Amino acid sequence: MSPVETGHTVKISGSEGAFMNFMNRNLIALMVLAGLAGCHQASVAPTKPMAYQKDVGMELGNFSVSLSVKDLKVSRAFYEDLGFVMVGGDPDQNWIILRNGPSIIGLFQGMFEGNMLTFNPGWSAEAEDLDEFMDIRQIQEQLKQKGIELTVEADMDSEGPANLMLTDPDGNVILVDQHR
């Protein structure tokens, strides 16, 4: 049996001992911070899901993370091992949508560079069409009124499917993609 299994204390000396003491102190600090965060979290009143908040000025739609992958089959197997299941997409066209509880990711091979945050106006978290939603052209207009620079714009004279893109102050790409 190892010292851990028997409950005995093991003394480690030298640089290994110093490293273990450093790691133990940091682990304890992390546990304390996690406990404090948990206490703080418990005191926060729950909010309604965004889909039900009618006072929100801009409803961007369903959220997911779009990942650019090198090999769709390998990435799919990896995320399925993490508990994700395929709920949409077309592997023959090199893209799929995966879900694990409320978390949604899209895997895309050869379609774009880098990863991005994605919002889908008109789509529920279950990837179903919503009866009412804010059209992407309205979203675009509000973003421009706020002085937010767009890297790709939707055609304001069009209807139906369209997309726009922007980049946050830290360089993260955001795609707003309306499917209908």
C-alpha atoms as a PDB file:
ATOM      1  CA  MET A   1       0.000   0.000   0.000  1.00  0.00           C
ATOM      2  CA  SER A   2       1.120   3.533  -0.693  1.00  0.00           C
ATOM      3  CA  PRO A   3       1.472   6.115   2.091  1.00  0.00           C
ATOM      4  CA  VAL A   4      -1.666   7.845   0.783  1.00  0.00           C
ATOM      5  CA  GLU A   5      -3.734   4.641   0.994  1.00  0.00           C
ATOM      6  CA  THR A   6      -2.587   3.941   4.572  1.00  0.00           C
ATOM      7  CA  GLY A   7      -2.954   7.530   5.739  1.00  0.00           C
ATOM      8  CA  HIS A   8       0.735   7.883   6.671  1.00  0.00           C
ATOM      9  CA  THR A   9       2.664  11.092   6.221  1.00  0.00           C
ATOM     10  CA  VAL A  10       5.582  11.071   3.804  1.00  0.00           C
ATOM     11  CA  LYS A  11       8.435  13.546   4.311  1.00  0.00           C
ATOM     12  CA  ILE A  12      10.008  14.826   1.110  1.00  0.00           C
ATOM     13  CA  SER A  13      13.195  16.825   1.466  1.00  0.00           C
ATOM     14  CA  GLY A  14      15.288  19.036  -0.777  1.00  0.00           C
ATOM     15  CA  SER A  15      13.943  20.773  -3.878  1.00  0.00           C
ATOM     16  CA  GLU A  16      11.167  18.178  -4.254  1.00  0.00           C
ATOM     17  CA  GLY A  17       9.963  18.977  -0.747  1.00  0.00           C
ATOM     18  CA  ALA A  18      10.010  22.716  -1.414  1.00  0.00           C
ATOM     19  CA  PHE A  19       8.064  22.182  -4.624  1.00  0.00           C
ATOM     20  CA  MET A  20       5.459  20.040  -2.823  1.00  0.00           C
ATOM     21  CA  ASN A  21       5.094  22.675  -0.067  1.00  0.00           C
ATOM     22  CA  PHE A  22       4.636  25.354  -2.760  1.00  0.00           C
ATOM     23  CA  MET A  23       2.019  23.222  -4.551  1.00  0.00           C
ATOM     24  CA  ASN A  24       0.170  22.430  -1.308  1.00  0.00           C
ATOM     25  CA  ARG A  25       0.006  26.123  -0.318  1.00  0.00           C
ATOM     26  CA  ASN A  26      -1.313  27.037  -3.762  1.00  0.00           C
ATOM     27  CA  LEU A  27      -3.815  24.190  -3.724  1.00  0.00           C
ATOM     28  CA  ILE A  28      -5.112  25.326  -0.334  1.00  0.00           C
ATOM     29  CA  ALA A  29      -5.355  28.931  -1.574  1.00  0.00           C
ATOM     30  CA  LEU A  30      -7.234  27.745  -4.657  1.00  0.00           C
ATOM     31  CA  MET A  31      -9.629  25.713  -2.517  1.00  0.00           C
ATOM     32  CA  VAL A  32     -10.264  28.741  -0.273  1.00  0.00           C
ATOM     33  CA  LEU A  33     -10.911  30.961  -3.286  1.00  0.00           C
ATOM     34  CA  ALA A  34     -13.224  28.362  -4.786  1.00  0.00           C
ATOM     35  CA  GLY A  35     -15.102  28.210  -1.498  1.00  0.00           C
ATOM     36  CA  LEU A  36     -15.402  31.986  -1.386  1.00  0.00           C
ATOM     37  CA  ALA A  37     -16.571  32.049  -4.978  1.00  0.00           C
ATOM     38  CA  GLY A  38     -19.119  29.399  -4.118  1.00  0.00           C
ATOM     39  CA  CYS A  39     -20.406  31.454  -1.186  1.00  0.00           C
ATOM     40  CA  HIS A  40     -20.640  34.539  -3.369  1.00  0.00           C
ATOM     41  CA  GLN A  41     -22.360  32.569  -6.108  1.00  0.00           C
ATOM     42  CA  ALA A  42     -24.965  31.242  -3.694  1.00  0.00           C
ATOM     43  CA  SER A  43     -25.965  34.777  -2.719  1.00  0.00           C
ATOM     44  CA  VAL A  44     -26.671  35.839  -6.303  1.00  0.00           C
ATOM     45  CA  ALA A  45     -30.344  35.729  -7.210  1.00  0.00           C
ATOM     46  CA  PRO A  46     -31.099  33.488 -10.209  1.00  0.00           C
ATOM     47  CA  THR A  47     -32.111  35.221 -13.414  1.00  0.00           C
ATOM     48  CA  LYS A  48     -34.512  34.134 -16.106  1.00  0.00           C
ATOM     49  CA  PRO A  49     -33.070  32.659 -19.317  1.00  0.00           C
ATOM     50  CA  MET A  50     -32.440  35.322 -21.957  1.00  0.00           C
ATOM     51  CA  ALA A  51     -35.176  33.955 -24.213  1.00  0.00           C
ATOM     52  CA  TYR A  52     -37.751  35.037 -21.647  1.00  0.00           C
ATOM     53  CA  GLN A  53     -36.393  38.507 -20.848  1.00  0.00           C
ATOM     54  CA  LYS A  54     -38.380  40.903 -22.984  1.00  0.00           C
ATOM     55  CA  ASP A  55     -36.650  44.004 -21.582  1.00  0.00           C
ATOM     56  CA  VAL A  56     -33.317  43.118 -23.195  1.00  0.00           C
ATOM     57  CA  GLY A  57     -32.400  45.692 -25.840  1.00  0.00           C
ATOM     58  CA  MET A  58     -30.685  43.263 -28.186  1.00  0.00           C
ATOM     59  CA  GLU A  59     -31.390  39.539 -28.367  1.00  0.00           C
ATOM     60  CA  LEU A  60     -28.511  37.879 -30.195  1.00  0.00           C
ATOM     61  CA  GLY A  61     -30.039  34.407 -30.164  1.00  0.00           C
ATOM     62  CA  ASN A  62     -28.735  30.979 -29.280  1.00  0.00           C
ATOM     63  CA  PHE A  63     -25.053  30.884 -28.247  1.00  0.00           C
ATOM     64  CA  SER A  64     -22.414  28.348 -29.236  1.00  0.00           C
ATOM     65  CA  VAL A  65     -18.687  28.154 -29.776  1.00  0.00           C
ATOM     66  CA  SER A  66     -17.559  27.450 -33.341  1.00  0.00           C
ATOM     67  CA  LEU A  67     -14.282  25.552 -33.484  1.00  0.00           C
ATOM     68  CA  SER A  68     -12.095  25.284 -36.555  1.00  0.00           C
ATOM     69  CA  VAL A  69     -10.800  21.701 -36.542  1.00  0.00           C
ATOM     70  CA  LYS A  70      -8.106  19.907 -38.541  1.00  0.00           C
ATOM     71  CA  ASP A  71      -9.880  16.533 -38.674  1.00  0.00           C
ATOM     72  CA  LEU A  72     -13.642  16.442 -38.105  1.00  0.00           C
ATOM     73  CA  LYS A  73     -13.733  12.706 -37.311  1.00  0.00           C
ATOM     74  CA  VAL A  74     -10.968  12.944 -34.707  1.00  0.00           C
ATOM     75  CA  SER A  75     -12.477  16.047 -33.088  1.00  0.00           C
ATOM     76  CA  ARG A  76     -15.963  14.538 -33.074  1.00  0.00           C
ATOM     77  CA  ALA A  77     -14.692  11.407 -31.323  1.00  0.00           C
ATOM     78  CA  PHE A  78     -12.873  13.558 -28.748  1.00  0.00           C
ATOM     79  CA  TYR A  79     -15.931  15.661 -27.892  1.00  0.00           C
ATOM     80  CA  GLU A  80     -18.181  12.591 -27.847  1.00  0.00           C
ATOM     81  CA  ASP A  81     -15.779  11.130 -25.259  1.00  0.00           C
ATOM     82  CA  LEU A  82     -16.481  14.298 -23.233  1.00  0.00           C
ATOM     83  CA  GLY A  83     -20.204  13.521 -23.365  1.00  0.00           C
ATOM     84  CA  PHE A  84     -21.265  15.638 -26.347  1.00  0.00           C
ATOM     85  CA  VAL A  85     -23.745  14.202 -28.857  1.00  0.00           C
ATOM     86  CA  MET A  86     -24.337  15.271 -32.435  1.00  0.00           C
ATOM     87  CA  VAL A  87     -27.577  17.222 -32.813  1.00  0.00           C
ATOM     88  CA  GLY A  88     -27.118  18.808 -36.226  1.00  0.00           C
ATOM     89  CA  GLY A  89     -24.891  19.527 -39.158  1.00  0.00           C
ATOM     90  CA  ASP A  90     -23.626  17.435 -42.041  1.00  0.00           C
ATOM     91  CA  PRO A  91     -20.356  15.496 -41.710  1.00  0.00           C
ATOM     92  CA  ASP A  92     -20.223  15.134 -45.510  1.00  0.00           C
ATOM     93  CA  GLN A  93     -20.025  18.941 -45.720  1.00  0.00           C
ATOM     94  CA  ASN A  94     -17.387  19.014 -42.932  1.00  0.00           C
ATOM     95  CA  TRP A  95     -19.463  20.541 -40.132  1.00  0.00           C
ATOM     96  CA  ILE A  96     -21.463  19.249 -37.162  1.00  0.00           C
ATOM     97  CA  ILE A  97     -23.199  20.667 -34.090  1.00  0.00           C
ATOM     98  CA  LEU A  98     -22.697  18.919 -30.745  1.00  0.00           C
ATOM     99  CA  ARG A  99     -24.495  19.339 -27.418  1.00  0.00           C
ATOM    100  CA  ASN A 100     -23.709  18.405 -23.831  1.00  0.00           C
ATOM    101  CA  GLY A 101     -26.567  19.612 -21.638  1.00  0.00           C
ATOM    102  CA  PRO A 102     -26.956  23.338 -22.321  1.00  0.00           C
ATOM    103  CA  SER A 103     -23.489  23.607 -23.907  1.00  0.00           C
ATOM    104  CA  ILE A 104     -23.296  23.723 -27.706  1.00  0.00           C
ATOM    105  CA  ILE A 105     -20.239  23.603 -29.932  1.00  0.00           C
ATOM    106  CA  GLY A 106     -19.914  23.537 -33.682  1.00  0.00           C
ATOM    107  CA  LEU A 107     -17.004  21.724 -35.326  1.00  0.00           C
ATOM    108  CA  PHE A 108     -16.000  23.032 -38.752  1.00  0.00           C
ATOM    109  CA  GLN A 109     -13.236  21.587 -40.923  1.00  0.00           C
ATOM    110  CA  GLY A 110     -11.715  23.840 -43.581  1.00  0.00           C
ATOM    111  CA  MET A 111     -14.432  26.500 -43.402  1.00  0.00           C
ATOM    112  CA  PHE A 112     -12.666  29.315 -41.520  1.00  0.00           C
ATOM    113  CA  GLU A 113      -9.501  30.010 -39.558  1.00  0.00           C
ATOM    114  CA  GLY A 114      -9.536  30.284 -35.794  1.00  0.00           C
ATOM    115  CA  ASN A 115     -12.357  29.782 -33.341  1.00  0.00           C
ATOM    116  CA  MET A 116     -15.274  32.124 -32.789  1.00  0.00           C
ATOM    117  CA  LEU A 117     -18.226  32.870 -30.581  1.00  0.00           C
ATOM    118  CA  THR A 118     -21.476  32.329 -32.475  1.00  0.00           C
ATOM    119  CA  PHE A 119     -24.988  33.659 -31.950  1.00  0.00           C
ATOM    120  CA  ASN A 120     -27.982  32.470 -33.985  1.00  0.00           C
ATOM    121  CA  PRO A 121     -31.005  34.797 -33.999  1.00  0.00           C
ATOM    122  CA  GLY A 122     -34.216  32.845 -34.561  1.00  0.00           C
ATOM    123  CA  TRP A 123     -32.869  29.604 -33.135  1.00  0.00           C
ATOM    124  CA  SER A 124     -33.644  28.093 -29.740  1.00  0.00           C
ATOM    125  CA  ALA A 125     -31.102  26.247 -27.616  1.00  0.00           C
ATOM    126  CA  GLU A 126     -32.611  23.072 -29.090  1.00  0.00           C
ATOM    127  CA  ALA A 127     -31.750  24.294 -32.633  1.00  0.00           C
ATOM    128  CA  GLU A 128     -35.427  24.816 -33.413  1.00  0.00           C
ATOM    129  CA  ASP A 129     -36.909  27.847 -35.160  1.00  0.00           C
ATOM    130  CA  LEU A 130     -38.388  30.524 -32.892  1.00  0.00           C
ATOM    131  CA  ASP A 131     -41.632  32.253 -33.851  1.00  0.00           C
ATOM    132  CA  GLU A 132     -40.405  35.651 -32.649  1.00  0.00           C
ATOM    133  CA  PHE A 133     -36.847  36.919 -32.733  1.00  0.00           C
ATOM    134  CA  MET A 134     -34.828  40.038 -33.438  1.00  0.00           C
ATOM    135  CA  ASP A 135     -33.800  40.111 -37.101  1.00  0.00           C
ATOM    136  CA  ILE A 136     -30.078  40.347 -37.767  1.00  0.00           C
ATOM    137  CA  ARG A 137     -30.550  43.646 -39.608  1.00  0.00           C
ATOM    138  CA  GLN A 138     -32.050  45.148 -36.430  1.00  0.00           C
ATOM    139  CA  ILE A 139     -29.111  43.800 -34.438  1.00  0.00           C
ATOM    140  CA  GLN A 140     -26.699  45.296 -36.972  1.00  0.00           C
ATOM    141  CA  GLU A 141     -28.407  48.679 -36.757  1.00  0.00           C
ATOM    142  CA  GLN A 142     -28.174  48.691 -32.953  1.00  0.00           C
ATOM    143  CA  LEU A 143     -24.509  47.680 -33.014  1.00  0.00           C
ATOM    144  CA  LYS A 144     -23.696  50.511 -35.425  1.00  0.00           C
ATOM    145  CA  GLN A 145     -25.643  52.999 -33.287  1.00  0.00           C
ATOM    146  CA  LYS A 146     -23.408  51.981 -30.380  1.00  0.00           C
ATOM    147  CA  GLY A 147     -20.327  52.660 -32.514  1.00  0.00           C
ATOM    148  CA  ILE A 148     -19.309  49.003 -32.750  1.00  0.00           C
ATOM    149  CA  GLU A 149     -17.260  48.303 -35.860  1.00  0.00           C
ATOM    150  CA  LEU A 150     -18.371  45.339 -37.966  1.00  0.00           C
ATOM    151  CA  THR A 151     -15.908  43.321 -40.037  1.00  0.00           C
ATOM    152  CA  VAL A 152     -18.700  41.716 -42.103  1.00  0.00           C
ATOM    153  CA  GLU A 153     -22.113  43.301 -42.562  1.00  0.00           C
ATOM    154  CA  ALA A 154     -25.514  41.910 -43.477  1.00  0.00           C
ATOM    155  CA  ASP A 155     -27.180  43.420 -46.554  1.00  0.00           C
ATOM    156  CA  MET A 156     -29.731  45.836 -45.096  1.00  0.00           C
ATOM    157  CA  ASP A 157     -31.921  45.496 -48.207  1.00  0.00           C
ATOM    158  CA  SER A 158     -32.185  41.716 -47.898  1.00  0.00           C
ATOM    159  CA  GLU A 159     -34.530  39.479 -45.910  1.00  0.00           C
ATOM    160  CA  GLY A 160     -34.063  36.098 -44.282  1.00  0.00           C
ATOM    161  CA  PRO A 161     -30.687  34.412 -43.788  1.00  0.00           C
ATOM    162  CA  ALA A 162     -27.706  36.715 -43.280  1.00  0.00           C
ATOM    163  CA  ASN A 163     -24.695  37.120 -41.045  1.00  0.00           C
ATOM    164  CA  LEU A 164     -22.427  39.737 -39.574  1.00  0.00           C
ATOM    165  CA  MET A 165     -19.086  39.572 -37.821  1.00  0.00           C
ATOM    166  CA  LEU A 166     -17.223  41.695 -35.329  1.00  0.00           C
ATOM    167  CA  THR A 167     -14.172  41.411 -33.139  1.00  0.00           C
ATOM    168  CA  ASP A 168     -14.147  42.134 -29.417  1.00  0.00           C
ATOM    169  CA  PRO A 169     -11.433  44.321 -27.803  1.00  0.00           C
ATOM    170  CA  ASP A 170      -9.305  41.222 -27.128  1.00  0.00           C
ATOM    171  CA  GLY A 171      -9.388  39.967 -30.716  1.00  0.00           C
ATOM    172  CA  ASN A 172     -12.083  37.307 -30.268  1.00  0.00           C
ATOM    173  CA  VAL A 173     -14.178  36.925 -33.405  1.00  0.00           C
ATOM    174  CA  ILE A 174     -17.962  36.984 -32.982  1.00  0.00           C
ATOM    175  CA  LEU A 175     -20.314  35.664 -35.659  1.00  0.00           C
ATOM    176  CA  VAL A 176     -24.029  36.487 -35.632  1.00  0.00           C
ATOM    177  CA  ASP A 177     -25.566  34.048 -38.110  1.00  0.00           C
ATOM    178  CA  GLN A 178     -29.291  34.067 -38.880  1.00  0.00           C
ATOM    179  CA  HIS A 179     -30.431  30.896 -40.667  1.00  0.00           C
ATOM    180  CA  ARG A 180     -33.893  31.988 -41.782  1.00  0.00           C
END
